[in-house]
Amino acid sequence: MEIQDLRQRLALLEHRQRMTLVAWLVSVIGLFALFAGAQRAPSQESVIKAREFDLVDETGRNRIIVGLDGLKRPNISFWDEGGHVRLGLGFPGVSRNVGDLGSDIEFYDTTGHTNLTLGFSGEYVSTTTGPTPALTLYGADHKSQAALGFGAERGTPQLTLSDARGANIYAGWSTTGEPVFALAGDDRVVRWHAP
């Protein structure tokens, strides 16, 4: 029995020695590969350059596009699974109507119509400072229903609320610097104002 025990113990010892040798070889090869990879990394470029990046989903539809607009200014657009742009980020003019003063952030509905803009207004353009900051909400008819921004001449805050027919309420300042509150009909004729 002792010889049988010795044979088993010797076989187990030989097996362990082979496994140790294999483990050492794998470790040395792994360390060599890591060292070679680390030596190569600094020589590779760390910048990816392209005119446009399109992130697509598993069906190949655009989900995020990073690129330039028609006026060569950067923008980012986010698309839904139906292929409609839902959010646009960029400089004034990168909105879907290239060439207008646009806005920096635009949210769209599922049909591609603007719901909300936050950025610079094309409606109130200062002759001294250019487009002024504005927040605009759009109704189901895709027309501006609420706008909060700054007047072009004096830089004073202004609020306009409109219905689908065009009647509106205006609160802000006149060009002479006086506070104004006005109600206008759908023909844009002021019906009442104070002062």
Foldseek 3Di string as FASTA:
>chain_A
DVVVVVVVVVVVVVVVVVVVVVVVVVVVVVVVVVVVVVVCVVVDDPDDDDQKDFDADPVRAGAKIWHAAPVRWTKIWGADPVNETAKIATAQQRPPNHPARHAGIFGADPVRATAKGWGFDSVAAAPVPGTWTKIFGADPVSDTAWMWTAHRQPRWIKIWGADPLQWIWIWIADNVGHTKTFTADSVRHTPDMDD
